[in-house]
Structure formats: C-alpha cells, structure tokens
Amino acid sequence: MTLDVTKPIVLERQFRFQFEPAQDCYVLLYPEGLIKLPGSSGEIMKLVDGKLSANEIISQLETTFPGVDLKQDVLDFLENANDKGWIRSE
C-alpha cells in the first residue's frame, strides 16, 4: 500500500523506536529482534510521532539541515519503511 504523504505517519504497534547505546544508533525493537537505523534513517524515524505527515517530516528535516534537498531520499526511506510494515499513514 502506498504511503499517503499528507496524513500523519505512525509507527506500527509491534515496534518500539529507541536509541540503543550498545548499537550506537537508533533501532526498532520488535518481539523477534531489532532493526538498526543508522545515520539519517534514525533522524527520519525520530519524527514519526503520529502527528506529522511525510511532507511535514521533510519540511522539518530541511529546516534542520538547510541547503540540502532531502525530499526524495526521505520519501524513499518512508516508502520502504511502509512497505516493510514498520510505519503507516493514518
């Protein structure tokens, strides 16, 4: 299913997002294990709060990292996360 970029994005219930010091990166924890989210993927997932849409996440990241066109990279990551069942649009 395609991610609706205008609706809030939520983390699926079976996942918990947190920083894992032992991995030195953000991770998604789930009953069978964990998924490492190094670098920019962790920065994107920090903004998946159930309130922001993909468009709003992109806008916030472009404000945080000015002068960089992040739109396609963020959309690609969010679409991939949606396809893998990590997130969904409300």
C-alpha atoms as a PDB file:
ATOM      1  CA  MET A   1       0.000   0.000   0.000  1.00  0.00           C
ATOM      2  CA  THR A   2       1.292   3.458  -0.883  1.00  0.00           C
ATOM      3  CA  LEU A   3       2.088   5.887   1.893  1.00  0.00           C
ATOM      4  CA  ASP A   4      -0.165   8.964   1.912  1.00  0.00           C
ATOM      5  CA  VAL A   5       2.280  11.872   2.268  1.00  0.00           C
ATOM      6  CA  THR A   6      -0.430  14.222   3.542  1.00  0.00           C
ATOM      7  CA  LYS A   7      -1.619  12.127   6.503  1.00  0.00           C
ATOM      8  CA  PRO A   8       0.117  11.605   9.862  1.00  0.00           C
ATOM      9  CA  ILE A   9       2.545   8.689   9.971  1.00  0.00           C
ATOM     10  CA  VAL A  10       2.523   6.273  12.884  1.00  0.00           C
ATOM     11  CA  LEU A  11       4.823   3.517  13.996  1.00  0.00           C
ATOM     12  CA  GLU A  12       3.160   0.109  13.831  1.00  0.00           C
ATOM     13  CA  ARG A  13       2.221  -1.223  17.280  1.00  0.00           C
ATOM     14  CA  GLN A  14       4.637  -4.154  17.374  1.00  0.00           C
ATOM     15  CA  PHE A  15       7.647  -1.824  17.075  1.00  0.00           C
ATOM     16  CA  ARG A  16       9.335   0.398  19.623  1.00  0.00           C
ATOM     17  CA  PHE A  17      11.743   3.098  18.468  1.00  0.00           C
ATOM     18  CA  GLN A  18      14.674   3.950  20.730  1.00  0.00           C
ATOM     19  CA  PHE A  19      18.367   4.778  20.843  1.00  0.00           C
ATOM     20  CA  GLU A  20      20.415   1.700  21.631  1.00  0.00           C
ATOM     21  CA  PRO A  21      23.822   2.586  23.140  1.00  0.00           C
ATOM     22  CA  ALA A  22      25.203  -0.913  22.505  1.00  0.00           C
ATOM     23  CA  GLN A  23      24.477  -0.477  18.776  1.00  0.00           C
ATOM     24  CA  ASP A  24      25.415   3.238  18.836  1.00  0.00           C
ATOM     25  CA  CYS A  25      22.341   4.027  16.724  1.00  0.00           C
ATOM     26  CA  TYR A  26      18.574   4.179  16.778  1.00  0.00           C
ATOM     27  CA  VAL A  27      16.738   0.883  16.449  1.00  0.00           C
ATOM     28  CA  LEU A  28      13.271  -0.511  16.012  1.00  0.00           C
ATOM     29  CA  LEU A  29      12.642  -3.215  18.574  1.00  0.00           C
ATOM     30  CA  TYR A  30      10.067  -5.907  17.917  1.00  0.00           C
ATOM     31  CA  PRO A  31       9.323  -9.289  19.538  1.00  0.00           C
ATOM     32  CA  GLU A  32      11.684 -11.239  17.257  1.00  0.00           C
ATOM     33  CA  GLY A  33      14.628  -8.838  17.351  1.00  0.00           C
ATOM     34  CA  LEU A  34      15.734  -5.393  16.261  1.00  0.00           C
ATOM     35  CA  ILE A  35      16.346  -3.338  13.152  1.00  0.00           C
ATOM     36  CA  LYS A  36      19.297  -0.942  13.155  1.00  0.00           C
ATOM     37  CA  LEU A  37      18.540   2.570  11.899  1.00  0.00           C
ATOM     38  CA  PRO A  38      21.927   4.228  11.473  1.00  0.00           C
ATOM     39  CA  GLY A  39      22.501   7.821  10.397  1.00  0.00           C
ATOM     40  CA  SER A  40      19.752   9.597   8.550  1.00  0.00           C
ATOM     41  CA  SER A  41      17.238   6.766   8.938  1.00  0.00           C
ATOM     42  CA  GLY A  42      17.227   7.334  12.708  1.00  0.00           C
ATOM     43  CA  GLU A  43      16.807  11.086  12.185  1.00  0.00           C
ATOM     44  CA  ILE A  44      13.772  10.448   9.979  1.00  0.00           C
ATOM     45  CA  MET A  45      12.220   7.929  12.366  1.00  0.00           C
ATOM     46  CA  LYS A  46      12.614  10.368  15.301  1.00  0.00           C
ATOM     47  CA  LEU A  47       9.950  12.466  13.581  1.00  0.00           C
ATOM     48  CA  VAL A  48       7.443   9.634  13.134  1.00  0.00           C
ATOM     49  CA  ASP A  49       5.234  10.652  16.035  1.00  0.00           C
ATOM     50  CA  GLY A  50       1.685  10.080  14.808  1.00  0.00           C
ATOM     51  CA  LYS A  51       1.207  13.816  14.280  1.00  0.00           C
ATOM     52  CA  LEU A  52       3.453  14.662  11.323  1.00  0.00           C
ATOM     53  CA  SER A  53       2.864  13.709   7.692  1.00  0.00           C
ATOM     54  CA  ALA A  54       5.688  12.778   5.323  1.00  0.00           C
ATOM     55  CA  ASN A  55       5.538  16.299   3.868  1.00  0.00           C
ATOM     56  CA  GLU A  56       5.886  17.801   7.357  1.00  0.00           C
ATOM     57  CA  ILE A  57       8.771  15.450   8.210  1.00  0.00           C
ATOM     58  CA  ILE A  58      10.564  16.537   5.035  1.00  0.00           C
ATOM     59  CA  SER A  59       9.972  20.194   5.872  1.00  0.00           C
ATOM     60  CA  GLN A  60      11.349  19.781   9.410  1.00  0.00           C
ATOM     61  CA  LEU A  61      14.440  17.927   8.183  1.00  0.00           C
ATOM     62  CA  GLU A  62      15.122  20.547   5.514  1.00  0.00           C
ATOM     63  CA  THR A  63      14.892  23.217   8.237  1.00  0.00           C
ATOM     64  CA  THR A  64      17.286  21.238  10.448  1.00  0.00           C
ATOM     65  CA  PHE A  65      19.684  20.578   7.546  1.00  0.00           C
ATOM     66  CA  PRO A  66      19.404  23.734   5.379  1.00  0.00           C
ATOM     67  CA  GLY A  67      20.689  23.821   1.838  1.00  0.00           C
ATOM     68  CA  VAL A  68      20.156  20.112   1.255  1.00  0.00           C
ATOM     69  CA  ASP A  69      17.351  18.744  -0.915  1.00  0.00           C
ATOM     70  CA  LEU A  70      16.191  15.800   1.165  1.00  0.00           C
ATOM     71  CA  LYS A  71      12.730  15.242  -0.282  1.00  0.00           C
ATOM     72  CA  GLN A  72      13.364  12.204  -2.493  1.00  0.00           C
ATOM     73  CA  ASP A  73      15.668  10.450  -0.006  1.00  0.00           C
ATOM     74  CA  VAL A  74      13.161  10.890   2.840  1.00  0.00           C
ATOM     75  CA  LEU A  75      10.259   9.772   0.655  1.00  0.00           C
ATOM     76  CA  ASP A  76      12.227   6.706  -0.486  1.00  0.00           C
ATOM     77  CA  PHE A  77      13.022   5.765   3.117  1.00  0.00           C
ATOM     78  CA  LEU A  78       9.432   6.272   4.313  1.00  0.00           C
ATOM     79  CA  GLU A  79       8.001   4.292   1.374  1.00  0.00           C
ATOM     80  CA  ASN A  80      10.442   1.481   2.127  1.00  0.00           C
ATOM     81  CA  ALA A  81       9.549   1.549   5.844  1.00  0.00           C
ATOM     82  CA  ASN A  82       5.866   1.483   4.899  1.00  0.00           C
ATOM     83  CA  ASP A  83       6.418  -1.456   2.516  1.00  0.00           C
ATOM     84  CA  LYS A  84       8.225  -3.346   5.297  1.00  0.00           C
ATOM     85  CA  GLY A  85       5.329  -2.718   7.692  1.00  0.00           C
ATOM     86  CA  TRP A  86       7.257  -0.520  10.143  1.00  0.00           C
ATOM     87  CA  ILE A  87       5.010   2.520   9.664  1.00  0.00           C
ATOM     88  CA  ARG A  88       1.684   3.507   8.116  1.00  0.00           C
ATOM     89  CA  SER A  89      -0.224   6.661   7.334  1.00  0.00           C
ATOM     90  CA  GLU A  90      -3.371   7.237   9.403  1.00  0.00           C
END
